Amino acid sequence: MSARRVTVDDWLRAERRDEEFRLLWDEREAAYKVARELIRLRKKQGLSQSEVARRAGLKQPAIARLESGAVTPTLDTIQRVAHALGRQVEIRLVRAARRKKLVGTR
């Protein structure tokens, strides 16, 4: 009997059915989007986390944390990493969908 492979997208789709998870995910979504884009650019250029860290003046564990999406990076850190990847940061503010907030969150 073989285990069914679950993609990240399949897992996320299932987890987002839970309202508490969905609200927390929405709060972290920007960090995850930044993380995915930085990983994509780094891999496209064939660079290691260590090389990106060296170019950005950071340590490799900082790049790993940034790419995990588990931390909320400062704008300065995002700019340093973007520059190390030959990019510049562009920020857009768009209308947000109305959503409930979890009790105890900011």
C-alpha atoms as a PDB file:
ATOM      1  CA  MET A   1       0.000   0.000   0.000  1.00  0.00           C
ATOM      2  CA  SER A   2       1.541   3.321  -1.023  1.00  0.00           C
ATOM      3  CA  ALA A   3       0.886   6.630   0.672  1.00  0.00           C
ATOM      4  CA  ARG A   4      -0.866   9.293  -1.370  1.00  0.00           C
ATOM      5  CA  ARG A   5       1.385  12.259  -2.079  1.00  0.00           C
ATOM      6  CA  VAL A   6      -0.050  15.566  -0.980  1.00  0.00           C
ATOM      7  CA  THR A   7       1.190  18.770  -2.561  1.00  0.00           C
ATOM      8  CA  VAL A   8       1.563  21.954  -0.554  1.00  0.00           C
ATOM      9  CA  ASP A   9      -1.311  23.446  -2.530  1.00  0.00           C
ATOM     10  CA  ASP A  10      -3.554  20.456  -1.697  1.00  0.00           C
ATOM     11  CA  TRP A  11      -2.605  20.682   1.983  1.00  0.00           C
ATOM     12  CA  LEU A  12      -3.212  24.444   2.079  1.00  0.00           C
ATOM     13  CA  ARG A  13      -6.570  24.116   0.342  1.00  0.00           C
ATOM     14  CA  ALA A  14      -7.676  21.575   2.955  1.00  0.00           C
ATOM     15  CA  GLU A  15      -6.340  23.574   5.908  1.00  0.00           C
ATOM     16  CA  ARG A  16      -7.984  26.809   4.745  1.00  0.00           C
ATOM     17  CA  ARG A  17     -11.378  25.205   5.355  1.00  0.00           C
ATOM     18  CA  ASP A  18     -10.695  25.761   9.048  1.00  0.00           C
ATOM     19  CA  GLU A  19     -11.656  29.359   9.869  1.00  0.00           C
ATOM     20  CA  GLU A  20      -8.991  29.875  12.553  1.00  0.00           C
ATOM     21  CA  PHE A  21      -6.248  28.566  10.261  1.00  0.00           C
ATOM     22  CA  ARG A  22      -7.530  30.708   7.381  1.00  0.00           C
ATOM     23  CA  LEU A  23      -7.469  33.873   9.484  1.00  0.00           C
ATOM     24  CA  LEU A  24      -3.949  33.175  10.740  1.00  0.00           C
ATOM     25  CA  TRP A  25      -2.771  32.298   7.229  1.00  0.00           C
ATOM     26  CA  ASP A  26      -4.194  35.530   5.847  1.00  0.00           C
ATOM     27  CA  GLU A  27      -2.249  37.477   8.491  1.00  0.00           C
ATOM     28  CA  ARG A  28       1.012  35.798   7.355  1.00  0.00           C
ATOM     29  CA  GLU A  29       0.318  35.670   3.624  1.00  0.00           C
ATOM     30  CA  ALA A  30       2.548  38.629   2.675  1.00  0.00           C
ATOM     31  CA  ALA A  31       5.583  37.056   4.388  1.00  0.00           C
ATOM     32  CA  TYR A  32       4.920  33.761   2.580  1.00  0.00           C
ATOM     33  CA  LYS A  33       4.617  35.517  -0.786  1.00  0.00           C
ATOM     34  CA  VAL A  34       7.924  37.329  -0.233  1.00  0.00           C
ATOM     35  CA  ALA A  35       9.536  34.054   0.812  1.00  0.00           C
ATOM     36  CA  ARG A  36       8.303  32.175  -2.272  1.00  0.00           C
ATOM     37  CA  GLU A  37       9.511  34.921  -4.605  1.00  0.00           C
ATOM     38  CA  LEU A  38      12.968  35.107  -3.000  1.00  0.00           C
ATOM     39  CA  ILE A  39      13.343  31.319  -3.221  1.00  0.00           C
ATOM     40  CA  ARG A  40      12.278  31.388  -6.877  1.00  0.00           C
ATOM     41  CA  LEU A  41      14.786  34.112  -7.746  1.00  0.00           C
ATOM     42  CA  ARG A  42      17.624  32.494  -5.784  1.00  0.00           C
ATOM     43  CA  LYS A  43      17.089  29.108  -7.429  1.00  0.00           C
ATOM     44  CA  LYS A  44      16.684  30.660 -10.887  1.00  0.00           C
ATOM     45  CA  GLN A  45      20.113  32.254 -10.446  1.00  0.00           C
ATOM     46  CA  GLY A  46      21.609  29.022  -9.118  1.00  0.00           C
ATOM     47  CA  LEU A  47      22.623  30.624  -5.825  1.00  0.00           C
ATOM     48  CA  SER A  48      22.893  29.023  -2.408  1.00  0.00           C
ATOM     49  CA  GLN A  49      21.438  30.619   0.699  1.00  0.00           C
ATOM     50  CA  SER A  50      25.024  31.191   1.833  1.00  0.00           C
ATOM     51  CA  GLU A  51      25.896  33.117  -1.321  1.00  0.00           C
ATOM     52  CA  VAL A  52      22.793  35.296  -1.077  1.00  0.00           C
ATOM     53  CA  ALA A  53      23.595  35.933   2.595  1.00  0.00           C
ATOM     54  CA  ARG A  54      27.171  36.926   1.746  1.00  0.00           C
ATOM     55  CA  ARG A  55      25.988  39.333  -0.953  1.00  0.00           C
ATOM     56  CA  ALA A  56      23.356  40.835   1.375  1.00  0.00           C
ATOM     57  CA  GLY A  57      25.691  41.132   4.371  1.00  0.00           C
ATOM     58  CA  LEU A  58      23.649  38.629   6.377  1.00  0.00           C
ATOM     59  CA  LYS A  59      24.207  35.170   7.829  1.00  0.00           C
ATOM     60  CA  GLN A  60      22.849  32.046   6.100  1.00  0.00           C
ATOM     61  CA  PRO A  61      20.400  31.239   8.940  1.00  0.00           C
ATOM     62  CA  ALA A  62      18.777  34.659   8.394  1.00  0.00           C
ATOM     63  CA  ILE A  63      18.120  33.719   4.752  1.00  0.00           C
ATOM     64  CA  ALA A  64      16.730  30.330   5.834  1.00  0.00           C
ATOM     65  CA  ARG A  65      14.338  32.006   8.291  1.00  0.00           C
ATOM     66  CA  LEU A  66      13.288  34.543   5.663  1.00  0.00           C
ATOM     67  CA  GLU A  67      12.653  31.796   3.103  1.00  0.00           C
ATOM     68  CA  SER A  68      10.636  29.781   5.617  1.00  0.00           C
ATOM     69  CA  GLY A  69       8.074  32.571   5.830  1.00  0.00           C
ATOM     70  CA  ALA A  70       8.058  32.051   9.589  1.00  0.00           C
ATOM     71  CA  VAL A  71       9.429  35.511  10.351  1.00  0.00           C
ATOM     72  CA  THR A  72       8.232  38.944   9.372  1.00  0.00           C
ATOM     73  CA  PRO A  73      11.298  40.545   7.795  1.00  0.00           C
ATOM     74  CA  THR A  74      12.015  44.232   7.983  1.00  0.00           C
ATOM     75  CA  LEU A  75      11.829  46.268   4.815  1.00  0.00           C
ATOM     76  CA  ASP A  76      15.591  46.818   5.120  1.00  0.00           C
ATOM     77  CA  THR A  77      16.234  43.053   5.112  1.00  0.00           C
ATOM     78  CA  ILE A  78      13.957  42.502   2.116  1.00  0.00           C
ATOM     79  CA  GLN A  79      15.745  45.303   0.238  1.00  0.00           C
ATOM     80  CA  ARG A  80      19.198  43.890   1.061  1.00  0.00           C
ATOM     81  CA  VAL A  81      18.226  40.419  -0.157  1.00  0.00           C
ATOM     82  CA  ALA A  82      16.485  41.798  -3.246  1.00  0.00           C
ATOM     83  CA  HIS A  83      19.603  43.811  -4.090  1.00  0.00           C
ATOM     84  CA  ALA A  84      21.740  40.673  -3.605  1.00  0.00           C
ATOM     85  CA  LEU A  85      19.508  39.019  -6.215  1.00  0.00           C
ATOM     86  CA  GLY A  86      19.778  41.951  -8.622  1.00  0.00           C
ATOM     87  CA  ARG A  87      16.280  43.220  -7.899  1.00  0.00           C
ATOM     88  CA  GLN A  88      14.631  46.220  -6.268  1.00  0.00           C
ATOM     89  CA  VAL A  89      11.594  46.225  -4.015  1.00  0.00           C
ATOM     90  CA  GLU A  90       8.286  47.598  -5.252  1.00  0.00           C
ATOM     91  CA  ILE A  91       5.394  47.918  -2.794  1.00  0.00           C
ATOM     92  CA  ARG A  92       1.751  48.171  -3.799  1.00  0.00           C
ATOM     93  CA  LEU A  93      -1.144  48.882  -1.479  1.00  0.00           C
ATOM     94  CA  VAL A  94      -4.383  47.333  -2.690  1.00  0.00           C
ATOM     95  CA  ARG A  95      -7.891  47.304  -1.309  1.00  0.00           C
ATOM     96  CA  ALA A  96      -8.258  44.537   1.271  1.00  0.00           C
ATOM     97  CA  ALA A  97     -11.193  42.186   1.435  1.00  0.00           C
ATOM     98  CA  ARG A  98     -13.220  42.479   4.627  1.00  0.00           C
ATOM     99  CA  ARG A  99     -12.364  39.729   7.036  1.00  0.00           C
ATOM    100  CA  LYS A 100     -12.873  38.827  10.656  1.00  0.00           C
ATOM    101  CA  LYS A 101      -9.989  39.209  13.086  1.00  0.00           C
ATOM    102  CA  LEU A 102      -9.071  36.624  15.670  1.00  0.00           C
ATOM    103  CA  VAL A 103      -9.497  37.715  19.260  1.00  0.00           C
ATOM    104  CA  GLY A 104      -6.125  38.743  20.667  1.00  0.00           C
ATOM    105  CA  THR A 105      -4.474  39.530  17.315  1.00  0.00           C
ATOM    106  CA  ARG A 106      -3.408  42.923  16.128  1.00  0.00           C
END
